[in-house]
């Protein structure tokens, strides 16, 4: 039973910063890709960023230049540094891990951590 636990969310003022962490129950090198999604109330879950096994990173256009995804294999942790946060980025942020196969991709999810951007 694999588990992914997010932490680091909270209340921050517009323009502020937060650092989210996702700790896996096992080695994160087992996954081809790990990333972050977010879901605001009444909206679809939105992809934010990911980091693939080779180390390359990808970002949604809306967060590019402000967010940074990183990993620490020794600590089984993937992090998301979020700077210059905007009120519209208030959402539950979810950790995602993927194992990509020829026939299908297996996805694993954490329970999420709430980020609220408000003055």
C-alpha atoms as a PDB file:
ATOM      1  CA  UNK A   1       0.000   0.000   0.000  1.00  0.00           C
ATOM      2  CA  UNK A   2       1.705   3.159  -1.219  1.00  0.00           C
ATOM      3  CA  UNK A   3       0.978   6.479   0.421  1.00  0.00           C
ATOM      4  CA  UNK A   4       1.756  10.073  -0.436  1.00  0.00           C
ATOM      5  CA  UNK A   5       1.322  12.714   2.225  1.00  0.00           C
ATOM      6  CA  UNK A   6       1.255  16.411   1.397  1.00  0.00           C
ATOM      7  CA  UNK A   7       2.087  19.173   3.833  1.00  0.00           C
ATOM      8  CA  UNK A   8       2.983  22.847   3.861  1.00  0.00           C
ATOM      9  CA  UNK A   9      -0.336  24.386   2.931  1.00  0.00           C
ATOM     10  CA  UNK A  10      -1.917  27.228   4.799  1.00  0.00           C
ATOM     11  CA  UNK A  11      -3.045  30.820   4.602  1.00  0.00           C
ATOM     12  CA  UNK A  12      -0.829  33.281   2.779  1.00  0.00           C
ATOM     13  CA  UNK A  13      -1.348  36.842   1.566  1.00  0.00           C
ATOM     14  CA  UNK A  14      -1.284  37.668  -2.143  1.00  0.00           C
ATOM     15  CA  UNK A  15       2.304  37.918  -3.276  1.00  0.00           C
ATOM     16  CA  UNK A  16       3.474  35.599  -0.546  1.00  0.00           C
ATOM     17  CA  UNK A  17       5.188  32.229  -0.757  1.00  0.00           C
ATOM     18  CA  UNK A  18       4.634  28.678   0.402  1.00  0.00           C
ATOM     19  CA  UNK A  19       6.602  25.483   0.045  1.00  0.00           C
ATOM     20  CA  UNK A  20       4.634  22.253  -0.285  1.00  0.00           C
ATOM     21  CA  UNK A  21       6.099  18.828   0.363  1.00  0.00           C
ATOM     22  CA  UNK A  22       4.973  15.358  -0.654  1.00  0.00           C
ATOM     23  CA  UNK A  23       6.501  12.455   1.240  1.00  0.00           C
ATOM     24  CA  UNK A  24       6.140   8.989  -0.241  1.00  0.00           C
ATOM     25  CA  UNK A  25       5.976   5.790   1.777  1.00  0.00           C
ATOM     26  CA  UNK A  26       8.543   4.228  -0.550  1.00  0.00           C
ATOM     27  CA  UNK A  27      11.317   5.269  -2.874  1.00  0.00           C
ATOM     28  CA  UNK A  28      10.239   7.903  -5.375  1.00  0.00           C
ATOM     29  CA  UNK A  29      12.725   6.542  -7.913  1.00  0.00           C
ATOM     30  CA  UNK A  30      10.111   3.842  -8.561  1.00  0.00           C
ATOM     31  CA  UNK A  31       7.992   6.404 -10.430  1.00  0.00           C
ATOM     32  CA  UNK A  32       8.504   7.723 -13.928  1.00  0.00           C
ATOM     33  CA  UNK A  33       7.002  11.080 -13.081  1.00  0.00           C
ATOM     34  CA  UNK A  34       5.880  12.958 -10.018  1.00  0.00           C
ATOM     35  CA  UNK A  35       4.001  16.191  -9.903  1.00  0.00           C
ATOM     36  CA  UNK A  36       1.461  18.514  -8.431  1.00  0.00           C
ATOM     37  CA  UNK A  37      -2.157  19.221  -9.290  1.00  0.00           C
ATOM     38  CA  UNK A  38      -4.631  21.613  -7.729  1.00  0.00           C
ATOM     39  CA  UNK A  39      -8.385  21.810  -7.520  1.00  0.00           C
ATOM     40  CA  UNK A  40     -10.355  24.909  -6.640  1.00  0.00           C
ATOM     41  CA  UNK A  41     -13.955  24.616  -5.407  1.00  0.00           C
ATOM     42  CA  UNK A  42     -16.323  23.856  -8.268  1.00  0.00           C
ATOM     43  CA  UNK A  43     -13.515  23.401 -10.788  1.00  0.00           C
ATOM     44  CA  UNK A  44     -11.709  20.517 -12.428  1.00  0.00           C
ATOM     45  CA  UNK A  45      -8.408  19.291 -11.123  1.00  0.00           C
ATOM     46  CA  UNK A  46      -5.643  21.218 -12.860  1.00  0.00           C
ATOM     47  CA  UNK A  47      -2.092  20.137 -13.598  1.00  0.00           C
ATOM     48  CA  UNK A  48       0.512  22.472 -12.111  1.00  0.00           C
ATOM     49  CA  UNK A  49       3.969  20.954 -12.519  1.00  0.00           C
ATOM     50  CA  UNK A  50       5.846  17.700 -12.781  1.00  0.00           C
ATOM     51  CA  UNK A  51       9.330  16.269 -12.689  1.00  0.00           C
ATOM     52  CA  UNK A  52      10.269  13.170 -14.648  1.00  0.00           C
ATOM     53  CA  UNK A  53      12.700  10.449 -13.690  1.00  0.00           C
ATOM     54  CA  UNK A  54      15.501  12.025 -15.716  1.00  0.00           C
ATOM     55  CA  UNK A  55      15.142  15.280 -13.823  1.00  0.00           C
ATOM     56  CA  UNK A  56      13.403  17.433 -16.417  1.00  0.00           C
ATOM     57  CA  UNK A  57      10.630  19.683 -15.162  1.00  0.00           C
ATOM     58  CA  UNK A  58       7.441  20.983 -16.731  1.00  0.00           C
ATOM     59  CA  UNK A  59       5.107  23.749 -15.630  1.00  0.00           C
ATOM     60  CA  UNK A  60       1.692  25.035 -16.483  1.00  0.00           C
ATOM     61  CA  UNK A  61       1.917  28.374 -18.239  1.00  0.00           C
ATOM     62  CA  UNK A  62       0.063  30.052 -15.407  1.00  0.00           C
ATOM     63  CA  UNK A  63       2.780  29.222 -12.862  1.00  0.00           C
ATOM     64  CA  UNK A  64       5.902  29.283 -15.014  1.00  0.00           C
ATOM     65  CA  UNK A  65       8.564  31.511 -13.535  1.00  0.00           C
ATOM     66  CA  UNK A  66       6.941  31.570 -10.097  1.00  0.00           C
ATOM     67  CA  UNK A  67       6.783  27.911  -9.056  1.00  0.00           C
ATOM     68  CA  UNK A  68       9.633  25.422  -8.804  1.00  0.00           C
ATOM     69  CA  UNK A  69       9.274  21.660  -8.465  1.00  0.00           C
ATOM     70  CA  UNK A  70      12.118  19.626  -7.024  1.00  0.00           C
ATOM     71  CA  UNK A  71      12.803  16.227  -5.542  1.00  0.00           C
ATOM     72  CA  UNK A  72      14.977  14.695  -2.870  1.00  0.00           C
ATOM     73  CA  UNK A  73      15.334  10.997  -3.586  1.00  0.00           C
ATOM     74  CA  UNK A  74      17.064  10.282  -0.280  1.00  0.00           C
ATOM     75  CA  UNK A  75      14.085  11.678   1.625  1.00  0.00           C
ATOM     76  CA  UNK A  76      11.450  10.278  -0.767  1.00  0.00           C
ATOM     77  CA  UNK A  77      10.127  13.795  -1.118  1.00  0.00           C
ATOM     78  CA  UNK A  78       8.878  16.014  -3.921  1.00  0.00           C
ATOM     79  CA  UNK A  79       8.452  19.705  -3.195  1.00  0.00           C
ATOM     80  CA  UNK A  80       6.758  22.666  -4.810  1.00  0.00           C
ATOM     81  CA  UNK A  81       8.065  26.131  -4.056  1.00  0.00           C
ATOM     82  CA  UNK A  82       5.345  28.662  -4.811  1.00  0.00           C
ATOM     83  CA  UNK A  83       6.207  32.348  -5.038  1.00  0.00           C
ATOM     84  CA  UNK A  84       4.140  35.443  -5.813  1.00  0.00           C
ATOM     85  CA  UNK A  85       0.927  33.620  -5.046  1.00  0.00           C
ATOM     86  CA  UNK A  86      -2.350  34.933  -6.402  1.00  0.00           C
ATOM     87  CA  UNK A  87      -5.846  34.706  -4.868  1.00  0.00           C
ATOM     88  CA  UNK A  88      -7.088  32.626  -7.799  1.00  0.00           C
ATOM     89  CA  UNK A  89      -4.541  29.974  -6.871  1.00  0.00           C
ATOM     90  CA  UNK A  90      -6.492  29.120  -3.749  1.00  0.00           C
ATOM     91  CA  UNK A  91      -7.077  25.383  -4.033  1.00  0.00           C
ATOM     92  CA  UNK A  92      -6.370  21.983  -2.606  1.00  0.00           C
ATOM     93  CA  UNK A  93      -2.982  20.909  -3.903  1.00  0.00           C
ATOM     94  CA  UNK A  94      -2.430  17.216  -4.603  1.00  0.00           C
ATOM     95  CA  UNK A  95       0.707  15.180  -5.034  1.00  0.00           C
ATOM     96  CA  UNK A  96       0.698  12.789  -7.999  1.00  0.00           C
ATOM     97  CA  UNK A  97       2.955   9.897  -8.935  1.00  0.00           C
ATOM     98  CA  UNK A  98       2.910   7.973 -12.200  1.00  0.00           C
ATOM     99  CA  UNK A  99       4.214   4.697 -13.515  1.00  0.00           C
ATOM    100  CA  UNK A 100       4.022   4.799 -17.291  1.00  0.00           C
ATOM    101  CA  UNK A 101       3.497   1.548 -19.147  1.00  0.00           C
ATOM    102  CA  UNK A 102       2.908   0.568 -22.748  1.00  0.00           C
ATOM    103  CA  UNK A 103      -0.793  -0.126 -22.185  1.00  0.00           C
ATOM    104  CA  UNK A 104      -1.635   2.228 -19.363  1.00  0.00           C
ATOM    105  CA  UNK A 105      -0.373   4.721 -16.839  1.00  0.00           C
ATOM    106  CA  UNK A 106      -0.847   4.066 -13.141  1.00  0.00           C
ATOM    107  CA  UNK A 107      -1.578   7.105 -11.016  1.00  0.00           C
ATOM    108  CA  UNK A 108      -1.225   7.523  -7.281  1.00  0.00           C
ATOM    109  CA  UNK A 109      -2.574  10.467  -5.299  1.00  0.00           C
ATOM    110  CA  UNK A 110      -2.141  12.065  -1.930  1.00  0.00           C
ATOM    111  CA  UNK A 111      -5.028  13.442   0.102  1.00  0.00           C
ATOM    112  CA  UNK A 112      -4.167  17.056  -0.596  1.00  0.00           C
ATOM    113  CA  UNK A 113      -3.200  20.142   1.348  1.00  0.00           C
ATOM    114  CA  UNK A 114      -5.203  23.370   1.395  1.00  0.00           C
ATOM    115  CA  UNK A 115      -3.623  26.560   0.104  1.00  0.00           C
ATOM    116  CA  UNK A 116      -5.544  29.771   0.685  1.00  0.00           C
ATOM    117  CA  UNK A 117      -4.299  33.024  -0.818  1.00  0.00           C
ATOM    118  CA  UNK A 118      -6.187  35.919   0.717  1.00  0.00           C
ATOM    119  CA  UNK A 119      -5.678  39.225   2.432  1.00  0.00           C
END
